[in-house]
Amino acid sequence: MPKKKKRRSAGSPGPQGRPQRPRHSERQELQAGFELWLSSSDGAAPARIIGTLLDLKAEHFDSPDPTLWTEEVTVELMTEIVPRKILQTRQDAMDLVPALRLFFEFLRARGRWNEDSMSSPVASTLLAGLEFTVLEAVDDPSRRSFSSNILTYGLEHGLDPEDEDALAAYMEWYNSLPHAHRVELSDRGRISDPAISYDPSRAPPAPHEAHGISFVAGDGHGDARRDAAADDASPSWPWFLPDTDIDLERIRDWDPREHLEVYRRNTLVRRAQILLDFIGPGRRLTSTGALNRADTAEVLQRFGIDRTARSMWDVPEITQAWGTLHDGNWLETTGTQVRPGSGPVAPASPDEQPEQFIDFAHSLLLSALGSMWARDGSEGGFIGMPDTLTTLLYVCQEGGLRRYDLHREQIPEVPLDPRTGQQDMDELVRYMRVATDLERLQTAGILEGDEVRVRGSAPVLIAAIGFTEILGQMGEEP
């Protein structure tokens, strides 16, 4: 298997990357003005907190105006979005409302309080009520992901998440817990048995720093160190894959023209066609480069997804199709306008132009794989290469590939660490990274699956092989 390629750094777009969402000079100006307005006794924390809140408000509510604050947006931001997106302790949460209160005072003092915002008396009453509600939210583990529950517990017991050695050691401690306690911690953010609580002074050293960090973030952090190590030796065969050759007989004499319905049933292809049809000759976009809320709701309905969303960027089923179409030049965005692009193959109706439709579908699948390969993990890109590409070939075999729930079951096949005689945490992390990629491929509509197995198809297998060949021609590695 080829060695792992060096990932592009976060924030550096790959070829034809998604356009960056604009940051508004007004917001930057207000943040700077707020920092200057604060007294020395306030410290720098309120300005940092407000910067984060304004970013989340713009991102998740299509509300980039930093002077506009409604009751609905303020409550959801503070009690739903922040707990889900921001790693914080109870003490951190106690600082949120005071910081927002100072910012509201600043806006009113500068005459910048938007007339469409809630009134000042309503804002004061709302903030007073949020003092307690925000603490309830931070104490509710159901509002956080399992990894956030794990990390929040560490923070509350003295973990410094910026110290990568300490973070890796913490994950070694977590992985050494009995299965029942790992489940309790990931589900509830706490451990009922105080005898095994985390103590940074007693945490074991972390011999596998980069992998511990990858397990936590799942988004490509620590890639530089991991890539440097990967350059020294090719990885071993993934333990979670069959030790058998890939059966290519299903595609050796496979005539796509005889299997139109297989392409037609692919979820990504179907969503891309729906999205192109919806956009038509063009649509206006919000200031964040997204479809507005009404358009997002309409696209979700056409996708057959029963869900509401504040922003298109919160719906991966849309953003994956959008990103693939944009990266493949089927969509072009200029400012706040999106319109059809040229694309390598023009979209076509499977009923009226079946051969061109198949060419379009194949090109779309290739573009989707290339888009995820080029993006950083934090932007939805692959984080388990080269294992992911090898795994994808097996997923496309008859029967697909079994999923493992690492937090609900012990997996006997995991290799043992010769130093401890226990399951090798590096190998568990290796699987988790690939499993994350498979989940992203399924969310994108490239793969299908259920709680037990994930499955591909002959068109995806053909695209994966073609993608491998393209990488070779480019002199790149997965």
Protein backbone atom coordinates (compact mmCIF):
# COMPACT_ATOMS: atom_id res chain seq x y z
CA MET A 1 0.00 0.00 0.00
CA PRO A 2 1.28 3.51 -0.73
CA LYS A 3 2.46 5.77 2.04
CA LYS A 4 0.21 8.47 3.35
CA LYS A 5 0.31 11.78 1.51
CA LYS A 6 0.91 15.02 3.31
CA ARG A 7 -2.41 16.69 3.96
CA ARG A 8 -3.02 20.23 2.88
CA SER A 9 -2.98 22.57 5.82
CA ALA A 10 -6.29 23.75 7.24
CA GLY A 11 -7.59 26.78 5.48
CA SER A 12 -5.63 26.24 2.29
CA PRO A 13 -8.15 25.31 -0.38
CA GLY A 14 -7.49 22.39 -2.65
CA PRO A 15 -8.02 22.64 -6.39
CA GLN A 16 -11.30 24.35 -7.11
CA GLY A 17 -12.04 24.44 -3.37
CA ARG A 18 -15.27 25.79 -1.98
CA PRO A 19 -15.20 29.58 -1.79
CA GLN A 20 -14.44 30.93 1.65
CA ARG A 21 -17.41 32.47 3.42
CA PRO A 22 -16.80 36.19 3.71
CA ARG A 23 -15.98 37.79 7.02
CA HIS A 24 -17.57 41.17 7.39
CA SER A 25 -15.57 44.29 8.07
CA GLU A 26 -18.43 45.56 10.24
CA ARG A 27 -18.11 42.56 12.54
CA GLN A 28 -14.35 42.92 12.76
CA GLU A 29 -14.70 46.64 13.41
CA LEU A 30 -17.23 46.08 16.19
CA GLN A 31 -15.12 43.37 17.80
CA ALA A 32 -12.11 45.69 17.82
CA GLY A 33 -14.21 48.56 19.16
CA PHE A 34 -15.68 46.34 21.88
CA GLU A 35 -12.20 45.26 22.99
CA LEU A 36 -11.12 48.90 23.29
CA TRP A 37 -14.36 49.82 25.09
CA LEU A 38 -13.87 47.21 27.80
CA SER A 39 -12.32 48.42 31.02
CA SER A 40 -9.10 46.91 32.30
CA SER A 41 -11.05 45.19 35.06
CA ASP A 42 -13.08 43.26 32.47
CA GLY A 43 -9.97 41.60 31.05
CA ALA A 44 -9.65 40.11 27.57
CA ALA A 45 -12.03 37.17 28.04
CA PRO A 46 -15.28 38.99 27.07
CA ALA A 47 -13.82 40.03 23.71
CA ARG A 48 -12.73 36.47 22.94
CA ILE A 49 -16.13 35.12 23.95
CA ILE A 50 -17.99 37.64 21.81
CA GLY A 51 -15.78 36.86 18.82
CA THR A 52 -16.78 33.21 19.12
CA LEU A 53 -20.48 34.00 19.60
CA LEU A 54 -20.56 36.30 16.57
CA ASP A 55 -18.90 33.64 14.42
CA LEU A 56 -21.41 31.01 15.55
CA LYS A 57 -24.32 33.40 15.06
CA ALA A 58 -23.27 34.16 11.49
CA GLU A 59 -22.54 30.53 10.69
CA HIS A 60 -25.62 28.83 12.09
CA PHE A 61 -28.36 31.41 11.72
CA ASP A 62 -27.46 33.14 8.44
CA SER A 63 -27.26 36.19 10.71
CA PRO A 64 -23.94 37.93 10.09
CA ASP A 65 -25.20 41.31 11.38
CA PRO A 66 -23.48 41.66 14.79
CA THR A 67 -25.95 44.34 15.88
CA LEU A 68 -29.12 42.27 15.35
CA TRP A 69 -30.18 40.15 18.33
CA THR A 70 -33.62 38.55 18.58
CA GLU A 71 -34.91 36.48 21.49
CA GLU A 72 -35.10 33.31 19.42
CA VAL A 73 -31.56 33.55 18.04
CA THR A 74 -30.04 34.52 21.38
CA VAL A 75 -31.64 31.65 23.30
CA GLU A 76 -30.81 28.99 20.72
CA LEU A 77 -27.27 30.27 20.30
CA MET A 78 -26.54 30.18 24.02
CA THR A 79 -28.36 26.97 24.95
CA GLU A 80 -28.09 24.78 21.84
CA ILE A 81 -25.31 25.88 19.48
CA VAL A 82 -22.63 26.78 22.04
CA PRO A 83 -22.93 23.51 24.04
CA ARG A 84 -22.81 21.52 20.80
CA LYS A 85 -19.94 23.38 19.17
CA ILE A 86 -17.76 24.74 21.97
CA LEU A 87 -15.77 22.73 24.49
CA GLN A 88 -16.37 24.41 27.85
CA THR A 89 -16.44 23.80 31.57
CA ARG A 90 -19.17 25.01 33.89
CA GLN A 91 -16.97 27.95 34.86
CA ASP A 92 -16.54 28.84 31.18
CA ALA A 93 -20.32 28.76 30.76
CA MET A 94 -20.74 31.15 33.69
CA ASP A 95 -18.77 33.75 31.73
CA LEU A 96 -21.02 33.65 28.63
CA VAL A 97 -23.97 35.75 29.76
CA PRO A 98 -21.86 38.46 31.45
CA ALA A 99 -19.82 38.83 28.24
CA LEU A 100 -22.97 39.11 26.12
CA ARG A 101 -24.46 41.62 28.57
CA LEU A 102 -21.34 43.79 28.20
CA PHE A 103 -21.58 43.54 24.41
CA PHE A 104 -25.23 44.61 24.45
CA GLU A 105 -24.29 47.58 26.64
CA PHE A 106 -21.53 48.46 24.18
CA LEU A 107 -23.93 48.35 21.21
CA ARG A 108 -26.41 50.61 22.96
CA ALA A 109 -23.68 53.02 24.13
CA ARG A 110 -22.40 53.33 20.56
CA GLY A 111 -25.89 53.69 19.08
CA ARG A 112 -25.49 50.42 17.17
CA TRP A 113 -28.37 48.43 18.69
CA ASN A 114 -30.37 47.29 15.66
CA GLU A 115 -33.96 48.54 15.66
CA ASP A 116 -35.15 45.06 14.64
CA SER A 117 -33.57 43.55 17.76
CA MET A 118 -35.52 42.81 20.93
CA SER A 119 -36.06 45.83 23.12
CA SER A 120 -33.58 46.71 25.86
CA PRO A 121 -35.96 45.70 28.70
CA VAL A 122 -36.66 42.37 26.99
CA ALA A 123 -32.92 41.81 26.48
CA SER A 124 -32.19 42.50 30.15
CA THR A 125 -34.91 40.10 31.29
CA LEU A 126 -33.78 37.46 28.81
CA LEU A 127 -30.14 37.63 29.90
CA ALA A 128 -31.14 37.35 33.55
CA GLY A 129 -33.04 34.16 32.77
CA LEU A 130 -30.21 32.79 30.66
CA GLU A 131 -27.79 32.91 33.59
CA PHE A 132 -29.36 29.69 34.90
CA THR A 133 -30.49 28.21 31.58
CA VAL A 134 -26.97 28.33 30.14
CA LEU A 135 -25.66 26.38 33.13
CA GLU A 136 -28.43 23.81 32.68
CA ALA A 137 -27.38 23.45 29.05
CA VAL A 138 -23.70 22.93 29.81
CA ASP A 139 -24.67 20.26 32.37
CA ASP A 140 -26.81 18.37 29.84
CA PRO A 141 -24.67 15.66 28.15
CA SER A 142 -27.35 15.05 25.50
CA ARG A 143 -26.49 18.43 23.95
CA ARG A 144 -22.88 17.37 23.35
CA SER A 145 -21.24 14.75 21.16
CA PHE A 146 -19.67 11.71 22.80
CA SER A 147 -16.17 13.11 22.24
CA SER A 148 -17.19 16.43 23.79
CA ASN A 149 -18.50 14.58 26.84
CA ILE A 150 -15.16 12.80 27.17
CA LEU A 151 -13.14 15.99 26.82
CA THR A 152 -15.39 18.08 29.05
CA TYR A 153 -14.80 15.61 31.86
CA GLY A 154 -11.05 16.00 31.34
CA LEU A 155 -11.29 19.79 31.39
CA GLU A 156 -13.19 19.70 34.65
CA HIS A 157 -10.43 17.55 36.15
CA GLY A 158 -7.50 19.73 35.13
CA LEU A 159 -6.79 18.66 31.54
CA ASP A 160 -5.18 21.33 29.37
CA PRO A 161 -6.47 20.58 25.83
CA GLU A 162 -3.77 22.81 24.32
CA ASP A 163 -1.07 20.53 25.76
CA GLU A 164 -0.92 17.78 23.15
CA ASP A 165 1.13 15.45 25.35
CA ALA A 166 -1.40 15.82 28.15
CA LEU A 167 -4.28 15.31 25.73
CA ALA A 168 -2.76 12.13 24.35
CA ALA A 169 -2.08 10.85 27.87
CA TYR A 170 -5.69 11.58 28.80
CA MET A 171 -6.93 9.50 25.89
CA GLU A 172 -4.60 6.68 26.94
CA TRP A 173 -6.24 6.86 30.37
CA TYR A 174 -9.71 6.85 28.81
CA ASN A 175 -8.94 3.88 26.58
CA SER A 176 -7.63 1.95 29.60
CA LEU A 177 -10.97 2.23 31.43
CA PRO A 178 -13.29 -0.76 31.69
CA HIS A 179 -15.83 -0.84 28.88
CA ALA A 180 -18.78 0.12 31.11
CA HIS A 181 -16.98 3.22 32.37
CA ARG A 182 -16.00 4.30 28.84
CA VAL A 183 -19.65 4.09 27.83
CA GLU A 184 -20.72 6.00 30.95
CA LEU A 185 -18.18 8.75 30.29
CA SER A 186 -19.00 9.15 26.60
CA ASP A 187 -22.76 9.15 27.28
CA ARG A 188 -22.93 11.20 30.49
CA GLY A 189 -19.67 13.12 30.70
CA ARG A 190 -18.96 11.72 34.16
CA ILE A 191 -17.90 8.55 35.98
CA SER A 192 -19.90 7.34 38.96
CA ASP A 193 -16.94 5.60 40.62
CA PRO A 194 -14.69 8.30 42.15
CA ALA A 195 -11.92 5.77 42.72
CA ILE A 196 -11.02 5.81 39.04
CA SER A 197 -11.49 9.52 38.35
CA TYR A 198 -8.94 11.24 36.15
CA ASP A 199 -5.97 12.93 37.82
CA PRO A 200 -3.48 14.70 35.49
CA SER A 201 -0.66 14.15 37.98
CA ARG A 202 -1.20 10.38 37.75
CA ALA A 203 -1.90 10.20 34.01
CA PRO A 204 0.33 7.70 32.17
CA PRO A 205 2.77 8.93 29.54
CA ALA A 206 1.43 8.79 26.00
CA PRO A 207 3.79 6.88 23.71
CA HIS A 208 1.50 7.39 20.72
CA GLU A 209 0.84 11.11 20.85
CA ALA A 210 -0.43 11.77 17.36
CA HIS A 211 -2.92 8.92 17.37
CA GLY A 212 -4.41 9.95 20.69
CA ILE A 213 -5.02 13.43 19.33
CA SER A 214 -6.52 12.08 16.13
CA PHE A 215 -8.94 9.96 18.15
CA VAL A 216 -10.20 13.03 19.95
CA ALA A 217 -10.49 15.44 17.08
CA GLY A 218 -11.29 13.12 14.21
CA ASP A 219 -10.61 16.04 11.88
CA GLY A 220 -6.98 15.84 10.81
CA HIS A 221 -5.30 17.64 13.73
CA GLY A 222 -1.71 16.61 14.33
CA ASP A 223 -1.26 15.53 10.71
CA ALA A 224 2.22 17.02 10.35
CA ARG A 225 3.72 14.76 13.02
CA ARG A 226 1.78 11.73 11.87
CA ASP A 227 2.77 12.28 8.25
CA ALA A 228 6.43 12.61 9.18
CA ALA A 229 6.26 9.27 10.93
CA ALA A 230 4.31 7.73 8.05
CA ASP A 231 7.03 8.69 5.61
CA ASP A 232 9.38 6.24 7.32
CA ALA A 233 7.40 3.09 6.61
CA SER A 234 4.35 1.91 4.72
CA PRO A 235 1.40 1.03 6.95
CA SER A 236 0.51 -2.56 7.69
CA TRP A 237 -2.59 -4.19 6.25
CA PRO A 238 -5.73 -2.89 8.02
CA TRP A 239 -6.84 -5.50 10.55
CA PHE A 240 -10.51 -4.74 9.90
CA LEU A 241 -10.35 -5.75 6.21
CA PRO A 242 -10.57 -9.29 4.83
CA ASP A 243 -7.25 -10.89 4.01
CA THR A 244 -8.48 -11.69 0.51
CA ASP A 245 -8.03 -10.22 -2.93
CA ILE A 246 -10.56 -7.72 -4.22
CA ASP A 247 -12.97 -9.38 -6.64
CA LEU A 248 -13.02 -7.32 -9.82
CA GLU A 249 -15.09 -9.83 -11.79
CA ARG A 250 -18.28 -7.87 -11.14
CA ILE A 251 -16.94 -4.95 -13.18
CA ARG A 252 -14.59 -6.69 -15.62
CA ASP A 253 -17.29 -7.15 -18.25
CA TRP A 254 -19.69 -4.66 -16.71
CA ASP A 255 -21.44 -2.56 -19.34
CA PRO A 256 -22.77 0.61 -17.66
CA ARG A 257 -25.39 0.99 -20.38
CA GLU A 258 -27.01 -2.20 -19.14
CA HIS A 259 -27.10 -0.95 -15.56
CA LEU A 260 -28.64 2.49 -15.86
CA GLU A 261 -30.76 2.01 -12.73
CA VAL A 262 -27.71 1.38 -10.54
CA TYR A 263 -26.40 4.85 -11.37
CA ARG A 264 -29.86 6.30 -11.09
CA ARG A 265 -30.29 4.93 -7.56
CA ASN A 266 -27.07 6.43 -6.25
CA THR A 267 -28.08 8.97 -3.63
CA LEU A 268 -25.38 11.53 -4.45
CA VAL A 269 -26.25 11.44 -8.14
CA ARG A 270 -29.94 11.87 -7.33
CA ARG A 271 -29.27 14.78 -4.96
CA ALA A 272 -26.97 16.48 -7.44
CA GLN A 273 -29.67 16.33 -10.11
CA ILE A 274 -32.25 17.71 -7.68
CA LEU A 275 -29.92 20.54 -6.67
CA LEU A 276 -29.11 21.47 -10.26
CA ASP A 277 -32.78 21.41 -11.16
CA PHE A 278 -33.64 23.57 -8.16
CA ILE A 279 -30.96 26.15 -8.93
CA GLY A 280 -32.07 26.32 -12.56
CA PRO A 281 -30.64 29.38 -14.32
CA GLY A 282 -29.48 30.82 -11.01
CA ARG A 283 -30.34 31.63 -7.39
CA ARG A 284 -29.41 34.33 -4.94
CA LEU A 285 -27.25 33.32 -1.98
CA THR A 286 -26.92 34.67 1.52
CA SER A 287 -23.92 36.67 2.63
CA THR A 288 -22.32 33.40 3.82
CA GLY A 289 -22.54 31.91 0.32
CA ALA A 290 -25.42 29.58 1.19
CA LEU A 291 -28.96 29.08 -0.01
CA ASN A 292 -31.36 31.01 2.19
CA ARG A 293 -33.45 29.23 4.81
CA ALA A 294 -36.55 28.89 2.62
CA ASP A 295 -34.51 27.45 -0.26
CA THR A 296 -32.66 25.13 2.12
CA ALA A 297 -35.99 23.84 3.45
CA GLU A 298 -37.23 23.28 -0.11
CA VAL A 299 -34.11 21.32 -1.07
CA LEU A 300 -34.39 19.19 2.07
CA GLN A 301 -37.99 18.41 1.17
CA ARG A 302 -36.98 17.43 -2.36
CA PHE A 303 -34.22 15.24 -0.92
CA GLY A 304 -36.86 13.50 1.19
CA ILE A 305 -35.20 14.61 4.44
CA ASP A 306 -37.56 15.63 7.24
CA ARG A 307 -35.42 18.17 9.07
CA THR A 308 -35.23 21.89 9.69
CA ALA A 309 -31.99 23.85 9.56
CA ARG A 310 -30.90 27.38 10.31
CA SER A 311 -28.28 27.32 7.59
CA MET A 312 -27.46 25.26 4.54
CA TRP A 313 -23.98 24.80 6.03
CA ASP A 314 -25.57 22.76 8.85
CA VAL A 315 -26.88 20.15 6.39
CA PRO A 316 -24.06 17.86 5.21
CA GLU A 317 -26.36 16.10 2.75
CA ILE A 318 -26.70 19.41 0.90
CA THR A 319 -23.18 20.73 1.40
CA GLN A 320 -21.56 17.52 0.14
CA ALA A 321 -23.57 17.63 -3.08
CA TRP A 322 -23.03 21.39 -3.33
CA GLY A 323 -19.27 21.05 -2.80
CA THR A 324 -19.00 18.28 -5.38
CA LEU A 325 -20.92 20.27 -7.98
CA HIS A 326 -18.89 23.39 -7.25
CA ASP A 327 -15.52 21.62 -7.27
CA GLY A 328 -16.45 19.95 -10.55
CA ASN A 329 -17.49 23.30 -12.07
CA TRP A 330 -21.12 22.25 -12.50
CA LEU A 331 -21.93 25.22 -10.25
CA GLU A 332 -20.32 28.64 -10.28
CA THR A 333 -20.69 31.18 -7.49
CA THR A 334 -20.05 34.89 -7.80
CA GLY A 335 -20.69 37.02 -4.76
CA THR A 336 -24.24 36.25 -3.69
CA GLN A 337 -25.25 34.47 -6.89
CA VAL A 338 -24.99 30.83 -7.95
CA ARG A 339 -25.51 29.71 -11.53
CA PRO A 340 -24.85 26.60 -13.64
CA GLY A 341 -21.27 26.04 -14.76
CA SER A 342 -19.76 24.11 -17.61
CA GLY A 343 -18.61 20.95 -15.82
CA PRO A 344 -16.55 18.17 -17.46
CA VAL A 345 -19.75 16.38 -18.56
CA ALA A 346 -23.09 18.11 -18.99
CA PRO A 347 -25.94 16.82 -16.79
CA ALA A 348 -28.46 14.74 -18.67
CA SER A 349 -31.78 12.98 -18.17
CA PRO A 350 -31.45 9.21 -17.67
CA ASP A 351 -34.61 8.72 -19.72
CA GLU A 352 -33.74 11.00 -22.64
CA GLN A 353 -29.93 10.70 -22.78
CA PRO A 354 -28.99 7.55 -20.84
CA GLU A 355 -25.38 7.30 -22.05
CA GLN A 356 -24.60 10.94 -21.26
CA PHE A 357 -26.33 10.53 -17.90
CA ILE A 358 -24.02 7.61 -17.06
CA ASP A 359 -20.98 9.67 -18.09
CA PHE A 360 -22.22 12.52 -15.90
CA ALA A 361 -22.84 10.21 -12.93
CA HIS A 362 -19.37 8.66 -13.23
CA SER A 363 -17.74 12.08 -13.49
CA LEU A 364 -19.74 13.25 -10.46
CA LEU A 365 -18.57 10.31 -8.32
CA LEU A 366 -14.96 10.93 -9.35
CA SER A 367 -15.33 14.61 -8.47
CA ALA A 368 -16.81 13.74 -5.07
CA LEU A 369 -13.87 11.50 -4.17
CA GLY A 370 -11.41 14.12 -5.40
CA SER A 371 -13.16 16.85 -3.45
CA MET A 372 -13.00 14.88 -0.20
CA TRP A 373 -9.36 13.96 -0.84
CA ALA A 374 -8.37 17.61 -1.42
CA ARG A 375 -10.15 19.01 1.61
CA ASP A 376 -8.76 19.11 5.12
CA GLY A 377 -10.42 16.81 7.64
CA SER A 378 -11.97 19.75 9.46
CA GLU A 379 -13.78 20.65 6.23
CA GLY A 380 -15.23 17.18 5.69
CA GLY A 381 -12.23 15.68 3.90
CA PHE A 382 -10.74 12.23 4.35
CA ILE A 383 -8.80 11.58 7.56
CA GLY A 384 -8.04 7.87 7.18
CA MET A 385 -6.08 7.69 3.93
CA PRO A 386 -4.60 5.48 2.54
CA ASP A 387 -6.61 2.92 4.52
CA THR A 388 -9.88 4.58 3.50
CA LEU A 389 -9.27 4.07 -0.21
CA THR A 390 -8.39 0.41 0.30
CA THR A 391 -11.44 -0.02 2.51
CA LEU A 392 -13.66 1.62 -0.10
CA LEU A 393 -12.73 -1.11 -2.59
CA TYR A 394 -13.85 -3.77 -0.10
CA VAL A 395 -17.02 -1.89 0.81
CA CYS A 396 -18.00 -2.15 -2.85
CA GLN A 397 -17.76 -5.96 -2.79
CA GLU A 398 -20.87 -8.09 -2.48
CA GLY A 399 -22.25 -7.78 1.05
CA GLY A 400 -20.32 -4.65 1.93
CA LEU A 401 -18.31 -4.35 5.14
CA ARG A 402 -19.27 -4.77 8.78
CA ARG A 403 -19.35 -1.77 11.10
CA TYR A 404 -17.91 -1.91 14.61
CA ASP A 405 -19.29 0.21 17.43
CA LEU A 406 -16.11 0.83 19.37
CA HIS A 407 -17.97 2.17 22.39
CA ARG A 408 -20.56 -0.60 22.68
CA GLU A 409 -18.65 -3.78 22.07
CA GLN A 410 -15.31 -5.41 22.57
CA ILE A 411 -13.73 -6.36 19.25
CA PRO A 412 -11.75 -9.60 19.43
CA GLU A 413 -9.99 -9.00 16.11
CA VAL A 414 -8.12 -5.89 17.25
CA PRO A 415 -4.35 -6.56 17.38
CA LEU A 416 -2.83 -6.59 20.86
CA ASP A 417 -0.21 -4.14 22.03
CA PRO A 418 2.84 -6.30 22.88
CA ARG A 419 3.80 -3.93 25.71
CA THR A 420 0.51 -4.21 27.57
CA GLY A 421 -1.18 -7.34 26.25
CA GLN A 422 -4.30 -5.22 25.74
CA GLN A 423 -5.97 -4.09 22.53
CA ASP A 424 -3.69 -1.77 20.57
CA MET A 425 -5.16 1.73 20.87
CA ASP A 426 -3.35 2.85 17.72
CA GLU A 427 -5.21 0.18 15.75
CA LEU A 428 -8.54 1.18 17.27
CA VAL A 429 -7.86 4.79 16.30
CA ARG A 430 -6.88 3.63 12.82
CA TYR A 431 -10.27 2.01 12.40
CA MET A 432 -12.09 5.00 13.88
CA ARG A 433 -10.54 7.33 11.31
CA VAL A 434 -11.60 5.06 8.45
CA ALA A 435 -15.04 4.63 10.01
CA THR A 436 -15.39 8.42 10.10
CA ASP A 437 -14.54 8.59 6.41
CA LEU A 438 -17.08 5.87 5.60
CA GLU A 439 -19.71 7.76 7.57
CA ARG A 440 -18.93 10.90 5.57
CA LEU A 441 -19.16 8.95 2.32
CA GLN A 442 -22.53 7.59 3.40
CA THR A 443 -23.78 11.02 4.45
CA ALA A 444 -22.67 12.34 1.07
CA GLY A 445 -24.78 9.65 -0.60
CA ILE A 446 -21.85 7.85 -2.21
CA LEU A 447 -22.28 4.78 -0.01
CA GLU A 448 -25.34 3.20 1.57
CA GLY A 449 -25.68 1.28 4.80
CA ASP A 450 -27.38 0.57 8.09
CA GLU A 451 -26.26 0.10 11.68
CA VAL A 452 -24.57 -3.21 10.86
CA ARG A 453 -22.99 -2.86 7.43
CA VAL A 454 -21.91 -0.22 4.94
CA ARG A 455 -22.23 -0.96 1.23
CA GLY A 456 -20.98 0.39 -2.06
CA SER A 457 -21.86 -0.43 -5.64
CA ALA A 458 -20.22 -1.23 -8.96
CA PRO A 459 -20.33 2.44 -10.08
CA VAL A 460 -18.58 3.50 -6.86
CA LEU A 461 -15.99 0.73 -7.28
CA ILE A 462 -15.30 1.89 -10.84
CA ALA A 463 -14.98 5.48 -9.63
CA ALA A 464 -12.64 4.46 -6.78
CA ILE A 465 -10.35 2.58 -9.17
CA GLY A 466 -10.44 5.52 -11.57
CA PHE A 467 -9.61 7.90 -8.74
CA THR A 468 -6.61 5.76 -7.78
CA GLU A 469 -5.38 5.87 -11.37
CA ILE A 470 -5.80 9.66 -11.51
CA LEU A 471 -3.74 10.06 -8.34
CA GLY A 472 -1.02 7.92 -9.88
CA GLN A 473 -1.00 10.01 -13.05
CA MET A 474 -0.71 13.14 -10.91
CA GLY A 475 2.18 11.66 -8.95
CA GLU A 476 0.12 11.96 -5.77
CA GLU A 477 -0.52 9.44 -3.01
CA PRO A 478 -3.79 8.84 -1.15
